[in-house]
Amino acid sequence: MALPDSWLTSPPRPSVQHTALAAERQQVLTKPPGSLGQLEQLAISLAGLHGTDRPSVDPVRMVVFAGDHGVCAEGVSAFPQAVTAQMIANFASGGAAISVMAKELGASLEVVNLGTVGEVPELPGVIDQIIAPSTANMAESPAMSSRQVESALSSGDEAARRAANVGCRLFIGGDMGIGNTTSAAALACALLGQQPTTLVGPGTGLNSEGVARKARVVENALQRHGPDRDPLMVLASLGGFEIAALTGAILGCAARRIPVLVDGFIVSVAALVAVHQQPAAREWLLFAHRSAEPGHSAVLEALDASPLLDLGMRLGEGSGAAVAVPLLRAACALHNRMASFTDAGVSGKAEE
């Protein structure tokens, strides 16, 4: 189903009826109410999102968006920019963390190349939707033109469409782009009104001097950008191709009633942009883990999100979300297959 400019339209709401029925079922299963903690709310949420009495997250679709950043010219990464293109090849050959997790989980994996400085040959499982070799240096000029932002948003929406066409019931977006924690931190600072020194972190492994330099670069970009907080204008000025595509994918999934399991810092910032653009998109988001990147907690707080895991991860690629998939599967299995007190002939809670 093609949905042109899905980022300009408020998404549908989850089913209130199925949410209520799922909540009622959780009260009569053979356990003290609330004893399964967040797993209960996960099942209830998924029932409402899918509009069903028997929620399931399979099939799972993973899409990694990749793109290079002009801000790398400012020395903001511990890794060379060539790594972006090299990692696309690693995804395709099955050697990356998200590739391993996709195979382990039986999930489909797609990689979308939006533009890299390094050359990327034609590879299986990689979709080339090149916008430019990289964004512009956001410290000196807007990272993207309005046309480039629209192209990236459309790439994300197309990925959501492809996911819907194969019956996807859970979408995981991943990121690859050397320099993208700098872009994400700048976006979060602009949208949340926070200072770079609070949100900027080590990314790929910068030392304290490197983090301080990175914060100064973000500060320069914010001063150049000015006070405008329109989400798509902020995205154009400070974002990356892959962050914009993730934003489009999140809004495209919400428009198609596909729940999104949000990964770490980069994807959460894309979710922040998406929710600022279309507040109703928040209902379609589940949050997998708390990243070790310092700015992630502020973004999670702004989104009123309680992530499932806190494992000190900060890899990106969608890897943290992939690790959380078994928890969602467990939540659905418990909700669907546990007996009720009546079915099992077990006495319920005594009346007080």
Protein backbone atom coordinates (compact mmCIF):
# COMPACT_ATOMS: atom_id res chain seq x y z
CA MET A 1 0.00 0.00 0.00
CA ALA A 2 1.61 3.25 -1.12
CA LEU A 3 1.22 6.10 1.33
CA PRO A 4 2.80 9.20 -0.18
CA ASP A 5 3.94 11.68 2.47
CA SER A 6 2.86 9.45 5.37
CA TRP A 7 4.91 11.78 7.59
CA LEU A 8 2.32 14.49 6.93
CA THR A 9 -0.65 12.42 8.13
CA SER A 10 -1.52 11.38 11.68
CA PRO A 11 -1.40 7.57 12.04
CA PRO A 12 -4.36 5.44 13.17
CA ARG A 13 -4.92 4.61 16.82
CA PRO A 14 -4.58 1.12 18.33
CA SER A 15 -7.74 -0.90 18.96
CA VAL A 16 -9.26 0.19 22.27
CA GLN A 17 -11.50 -2.89 22.23
CA HIS A 18 -8.65 -5.39 21.92
CA THR A 19 -6.53 -3.52 24.45
CA ALA A 20 -9.38 -3.78 26.98
CA LEU A 21 -10.00 -7.46 26.24
CA ALA A 22 -6.30 -8.26 26.67
CA ALA A 23 -6.20 -6.39 29.97
CA GLU A 24 -9.22 -8.39 31.18
CA ARG A 25 -7.57 -11.66 30.16
CA GLN A 26 -4.43 -10.82 32.13
CA GLN A 27 -6.58 -10.53 35.24
CA VAL A 28 -7.93 -14.10 35.02
CA LEU A 29 -4.78 -16.04 34.08
CA THR A 30 -3.34 -18.41 36.67
CA LYS A 31 -1.03 -15.92 38.37
CA PRO A 32 -1.33 -13.00 40.76
CA PRO A 33 -2.29 -9.93 38.72
CA GLY A 34 0.79 -7.97 37.74
CA SER A 35 3.20 -10.76 38.65
CA LEU A 36 4.66 -10.94 35.13
CA GLY A 37 5.53 -7.25 35.24
CA GLN A 38 6.26 -5.57 31.93
CA LEU A 39 5.50 -8.78 30.03
CA GLU A 40 1.82 -8.30 30.84
CA GLN A 41 1.73 -4.75 29.50
CA LEU A 42 3.67 -5.82 26.41
CA ALA A 43 1.02 -8.41 25.58
CA ILE A 44 -1.79 -5.93 26.22
CA SER A 45 -0.13 -3.30 24.04
CA LEU A 46 0.54 -5.74 21.20
CA ALA A 47 -3.06 -6.97 21.28
CA GLY A 48 -4.28 -3.41 20.81
CA LEU A 49 -1.68 -2.59 18.17
CA HIS A 50 -2.47 -5.69 16.14
CA GLY A 51 -6.21 -5.56 16.82
CA THR A 52 -6.37 -9.20 17.88
CA ASP A 53 -7.14 -11.45 20.84
CA ARG A 54 -3.96 -13.45 20.23
CA PRO A 55 -0.98 -11.13 19.68
CA SER A 56 2.19 -12.28 17.92
CA VAL A 57 5.30 -10.44 16.77
CA ASP A 58 6.21 -12.80 13.96
CA PRO A 59 7.25 -12.30 11.25
CA VAL A 60 9.90 -9.82 12.38
CA ARG A 61 11.42 -7.46 9.83
CA MET A 62 14.78 -5.73 10.33
CA VAL A 63 15.97 -2.89 8.12
CA VAL A 64 19.35 -1.19 8.53
CA PHE A 65 19.69 2.24 6.91
CA ALA A 66 23.22 3.40 6.10
CA GLY A 67 24.63 6.78 5.13
CA ASP A 68 27.70 8.94 5.61
CA HIS A 69 27.95 12.28 7.42
CA GLY A 70 29.82 15.38 6.29
CA VAL A 71 30.42 16.37 9.90
CA CYS A 72 33.13 13.68 10.02
CA ALA A 73 35.40 16.39 8.57
CA GLU A 74 35.41 17.85 12.10
CA GLY A 75 37.12 14.78 13.60
CA VAL A 76 34.11 13.59 15.62
CA SER A 77 34.65 9.83 15.30
CA ALA A 78 37.28 7.37 16.49
CA PHE A 79 36.74 5.35 13.29
CA PRO A 80 37.44 6.39 9.68
CA GLN A 81 34.49 7.23 7.44
CA ALA A 82 35.34 4.30 5.15
CA VAL A 83 33.87 2.00 7.79
CA THR A 84 30.30 2.84 6.74
CA ALA A 85 30.74 1.28 3.30
CA GLN A 86 32.78 -1.58 4.72
CA MET A 87 30.05 -2.41 7.22
CA ILE A 88 27.42 -2.54 4.49
CA ALA A 89 29.46 -5.35 2.95
CA ASN A 90 29.72 -6.97 6.38
CA PHE A 91 25.93 -6.87 6.78
CA ALA A 92 25.52 -8.52 3.39
CA SER A 93 28.02 -11.28 4.16
CA GLY A 94 26.40 -12.10 7.51
CA GLY A 95 29.31 -11.01 9.70
CA ALA A 96 27.72 -8.09 11.57
CA ALA A 97 25.96 -8.37 14.92
CA ILE A 98 22.55 -7.61 13.43
CA SER A 99 23.14 -10.19 10.68
CA VAL A 100 23.86 -12.85 13.30
CA MET A 101 20.81 -11.86 15.35
CA ALA A 102 18.51 -11.85 12.31
CA LYS A 103 19.54 -15.40 11.50
CA GLU A 104 19.24 -16.48 15.13
CA LEU A 105 15.73 -15.03 15.40
CA GLY A 106 14.53 -16.16 11.97
CA ALA A 107 13.91 -12.54 11.01
CA SER A 108 14.28 -11.04 7.55
CA LEU A 109 17.06 -8.46 7.18
CA GLU A 110 17.29 -5.70 4.62
CA VAL A 111 20.02 -3.07 4.20
CA VAL A 112 19.30 0.26 2.52
CA ASN A 113 22.32 2.20 1.27
CA LEU A 114 21.48 5.91 1.11
CA GLY A 115 24.96 7.11 0.21
CA THR A 116 28.52 6.49 1.30
CA VAL A 117 31.89 8.10 0.63
CA GLY A 118 33.39 4.66 0.07
CA GLU A 119 32.37 2.62 -2.94
CA VAL A 120 29.83 -0.15 -2.32
CA PRO A 121 29.53 -2.87 -4.98
CA GLU A 122 26.24 -4.53 -5.80
CA LEU A 123 25.54 -6.86 -2.87
CA PRO A 124 22.78 -9.36 -2.04
CA GLY A 125 20.25 -8.02 0.44
CA VAL A 126 21.38 -4.42 -0.08
CA ILE A 127 19.02 -1.92 -1.69
CA ASP A 128 20.77 1.07 -3.23
CA GLN A 129 18.76 4.26 -2.88
CA ILE A 130 21.64 6.71 -3.13
CA ILE A 131 20.87 10.31 -2.22
CA ALA A 132 24.46 11.62 -2.19
CA PRO A 133 27.87 10.32 -1.06
CA SER A 134 27.23 11.97 2.32
CA THR A 135 25.36 14.79 3.98
CA ALA A 136 26.95 18.22 4.11
CA ASN A 137 28.94 19.28 7.17
CA MET A 138 26.21 20.38 9.59
CA ALA A 139 28.69 22.60 11.47
CA GLU A 140 28.94 24.81 8.39
CA SER A 141 25.64 24.43 6.51
CA PRO A 142 22.38 22.47 6.62
CA ALA A 143 23.16 18.77 6.41
CA MET A 144 20.45 18.13 3.81
CA SER A 145 18.36 20.03 1.34
CA SER A 146 14.58 19.76 1.61
CA ARG A 147 14.64 17.49 -1.43
CA GLN A 148 17.20 15.19 0.19
CA VAL A 149 15.15 14.98 3.39
CA GLU A 150 12.09 14.03 1.39
CA SER A 151 14.08 11.37 -0.47
CA ALA A 152 15.30 9.88 2.82
CA LEU A 153 11.84 9.98 4.39
CA SER A 154 10.45 8.28 1.28
CA SER A 155 13.11 5.56 1.49
CA GLY A 156 11.98 4.83 5.03
CA ASP A 157 8.33 4.81 4.04
CA GLU A 158 9.10 2.41 1.18
CA ALA A 159 10.82 0.08 3.64
CA ALA A 160 7.68 0.14 5.78
CA ARG A 161 5.61 -0.66 2.69
CA ARG A 162 7.82 -3.62 1.84
CA ALA A 163 7.53 -4.82 5.43
CA ALA A 164 3.73 -4.59 5.29
CA ASN A 165 3.69 -6.50 1.99
CA VAL A 166 5.35 -9.52 3.62
CA GLY A 167 3.00 -9.47 6.62
CA CYS A 168 5.47 -7.97 9.10
CA ARG A 169 4.11 -7.77 12.66
CA LEU A 170 7.17 -6.18 14.27
CA PHE A 171 9.60 -3.74 12.64
CA ILE A 172 13.14 -3.09 13.84
CA GLY A 173 15.08 -0.23 12.31
CA GLY A 174 18.85 -0.08 12.54
CA ASP A 175 21.49 2.49 11.67
CA MET A 176 24.97 2.58 10.21
CA GLY A 177 26.86 5.81 9.62
CA ILE A 178 30.17 6.96 11.02
CA GLY A 179 29.51 10.30 12.73
CA ASN A 180 25.83 9.66 13.37
CA THR A 181 25.98 10.03 17.17
CA THR A 182 27.09 13.63 16.53
CA SER A 183 24.09 14.23 14.30
CA ALA A 184 21.73 12.48 16.72
CA ALA A 185 23.02 14.49 19.68
CA ALA A 186 22.52 17.73 17.75
CA LEU A 187 18.97 16.75 16.82
CA ALA A 188 18.14 15.84 20.42
CA CYS A 189 19.64 19.09 21.72
CA ALA A 190 17.61 21.13 19.24
CA LEU A 191 14.31 19.35 19.90
CA LEU A 192 14.69 19.10 23.68
CA GLY A 193 16.42 22.42 24.34
CA GLN A 194 19.35 20.77 26.08
CA GLN A 195 23.07 21.53 26.04
CA PRO A 196 25.61 19.50 24.02
CA THR A 197 27.72 18.87 27.12
CA THR A 198 24.76 16.94 28.56
CA LEU A 199 23.90 14.79 25.54
CA VAL A 200 27.15 14.31 23.61
CA GLY A 201 28.94 11.02 24.33
CA PRO A 202 31.89 8.92 23.14
CA GLY A 203 30.08 7.31 20.20
CA THR A 204 32.54 4.87 18.65
CA GLY A 205 34.96 5.31 21.54
CA LEU A 206 36.26 8.88 21.79
CA ASN A 207 38.36 9.86 24.79
CA SER A 208 37.42 12.83 26.97
CA GLU A 209 39.25 15.27 24.71
CA GLY A 210 37.42 13.86 21.69
CA VAL A 211 34.05 14.12 23.43
CA ALA A 212 34.76 17.77 24.29
CA ARG A 213 35.67 18.49 20.65
CA LYS A 214 32.50 16.73 19.51
CA ALA A 215 30.39 18.84 21.91
CA ARG A 216 31.94 22.02 20.48
CA VAL A 217 31.07 20.87 16.95
CA VAL A 218 27.45 20.24 18.01
CA GLU A 219 27.35 23.66 19.69
CA ASN A 220 28.56 25.30 16.47
CA ALA A 221 25.90 23.44 14.47
CA LEU A 222 23.17 24.51 16.90
CA GLN A 223 24.26 28.14 16.73
CA ARG A 224 24.23 28.00 12.94
CA HIS A 225 20.80 26.35 12.96
CA GLY A 226 19.14 28.84 15.29
CA PRO A 227 15.92 28.47 17.32
CA ASP A 228 13.69 26.76 14.72
CA ARG A 229 12.18 23.57 16.24
CA ASP A 230 9.99 22.44 13.36
CA PRO A 231 10.89 18.74 13.31
CA LEU A 232 11.46 18.41 9.57
CA MET A 233 13.46 21.63 9.43
CA VAL A 234 15.61 20.44 12.35
CA LEU A 235 16.03 17.09 10.60
CA ALA A 236 17.21 18.78 7.41
CA SER A 237 19.60 21.06 9.23
CA LEU A 238 21.18 18.60 11.65
CA GLY A 239 20.20 15.08 10.62
CA GLY A 240 21.65 12.29 8.54
CA PHE A 241 20.25 10.32 5.64
CA GLU A 242 19.82 7.22 7.78
CA ILE A 243 18.18 9.13 10.66
CA ALA A 244 15.71 10.73 8.25
CA ALA A 245 14.98 7.34 6.67
CA LEU A 246 14.41 5.83 10.12
CA THR A 247 11.98 8.67 10.84
CA GLY A 248 10.12 7.89 7.62
CA ALA A 249 10.10 4.17 8.41
CA ILE A 250 8.69 4.75 11.90
CA LEU A 251 5.90 6.96 10.57
CA GLY A 252 5.32 4.60 7.64
CA CYS A 253 4.98 1.64 10.00
CA ALA A 254 2.59 3.53 12.27
CA ALA A 255 0.48 4.45 9.23
CA ARG A 256 0.31 0.74 8.31
CA ARG A 257 -0.42 -0.46 11.88
CA ILE A 258 2.98 -2.12 12.33
CA PRO A 259 4.52 -1.86 15.83
CA VAL A 260 8.12 -0.64 15.93
CA LEU A 261 10.64 -1.97 18.45
CA VAL A 262 12.97 0.98 18.95
CA ASP A 263 16.70 0.34 19.30
CA GLY A 264 19.24 2.65 20.99
CA PHE A 265 20.30 6.28 20.79
CA ILE A 266 20.22 6.86 17.03
CA VAL A 267 16.87 5.17 16.40
CA SER A 268 15.38 6.76 19.52
CA VAL A 269 16.32 10.20 18.18
CA ALA A 270 14.62 9.30 14.89
CA ALA A 271 11.59 8.27 16.97
CA LEU A 272 11.79 11.63 18.78
CA VAL A 273 11.66 13.44 15.42
CA ALA A 274 8.77 11.21 14.31
CA VAL A 275 6.75 11.87 17.47
CA HIS A 276 7.39 15.62 17.26
CA GLN A 277 6.12 15.44 13.68
CA GLN A 278 3.13 13.16 14.42
CA PRO A 279 2.45 12.77 18.18
CA ALA A 280 0.08 9.82 17.64
CA ALA A 281 3.03 7.78 16.34
CA ARG A 282 4.16 7.34 19.96
CA GLU A 283 1.51 4.66 20.50
CA TRP A 284 3.16 2.42 17.89
CA LEU A 285 6.54 2.40 19.62
CA LEU A 286 7.98 -0.19 22.00
CA PHE A 287 11.43 0.44 23.47
CA ALA A 288 14.03 -2.30 23.61
CA HIS A 289 16.94 -1.10 25.69
CA ARG A 290 18.75 1.77 27.36
CA SER A 291 21.95 2.58 25.51
CA ALA A 292 25.21 3.41 27.26
CA GLU A 293 25.38 6.58 25.13
CA PRO A 294 24.79 9.46 27.61
CA GLY A 295 22.10 11.26 25.60
CA HIS A 296 19.83 8.25 25.35
CA SER A 297 18.28 8.60 28.82
CA ALA A 298 17.15 12.15 28.07
CA VAL A 299 15.54 11.04 24.82
CA LEU A 300 13.79 8.12 26.54
CA GLU A 301 12.48 10.45 29.23
CA ALA A 302 11.15 12.85 26.62
CA LEU A 303 9.32 9.95 24.96
CA ASP A 304 8.01 8.65 28.31
CA ALA A 305 9.65 5.32 27.51
CA SER A 306 10.57 2.45 29.84
CA PRO A 307 12.96 0.19 27.92
CA LEU A 308 12.98 -3.54 28.53
CA LEU A 309 16.73 -4.01 28.88
CA ASP A 310 19.75 -2.19 30.24
CA LEU A 311 22.82 -4.14 29.14
CA GLY A 312 25.30 -1.34 28.53
CA MET A 313 24.99 -1.78 24.76
CA ARG A 314 25.84 1.01 22.29
CA LEU A 315 26.49 -0.73 18.99
CA GLY A 316 23.51 0.42 16.94
CA GLU A 317 22.50 -1.54 13.82
CA GLY A 318 19.26 -2.49 15.64
CA SER A 319 21.23 -4.99 17.73
CA GLY A 320 19.75 -4.00 21.09
CA ALA A 321 16.24 -4.31 19.73
CA ALA A 322 17.06 -7.72 18.27
CA VAL A 323 18.21 -8.96 21.69
CA ALA A 324 14.82 -7.93 23.15
CA VAL A 325 12.70 -9.85 20.60
CA PRO A 326 12.56 -13.07 22.71
CA LEU A 327 10.95 -11.06 25.51
CA LEU A 328 8.15 -9.96 23.19
CA ARG A 329 7.70 -13.51 21.98
CA ALA A 330 7.54 -14.70 25.59
CA ALA A 331 4.95 -12.04 26.45
CA CYS A 332 2.73 -13.20 23.59
CA ALA A 333 3.15 -16.91 24.40
CA LEU A 334 2.24 -16.39 28.05
CA HIS A 335 -0.77 -14.26 27.17
CA ASN A 336 -2.06 -16.65 24.52
CA ARG A 337 -1.38 -20.04 26.12
CA MET A 338 -1.66 -19.69 29.89
CA ALA A 339 -4.84 -21.14 31.39
CA SER A 340 -7.41 -19.05 33.18
CA PHE A 341 -8.35 -19.87 36.78
CA THR A 342 -11.64 -21.27 35.50
CA ASP A 343 -10.02 -23.39 32.76
CA ALA A 344 -7.46 -24.87 35.16
CA GLY A 345 -9.81 -25.36 38.10
CA VAL A 346 -7.56 -23.18 40.25
CA SER A 347 -9.00 -20.95 42.96
CA GLY A 348 -8.63 -17.26 42.28
CA LYS A 349 -7.78 -14.44 44.62
CA ALA A 350 -10.03 -14.34 47.70
CA GLU A 351 -12.45 -11.44 47.96
CA GLU A 352 -11.38 -8.87 50.52
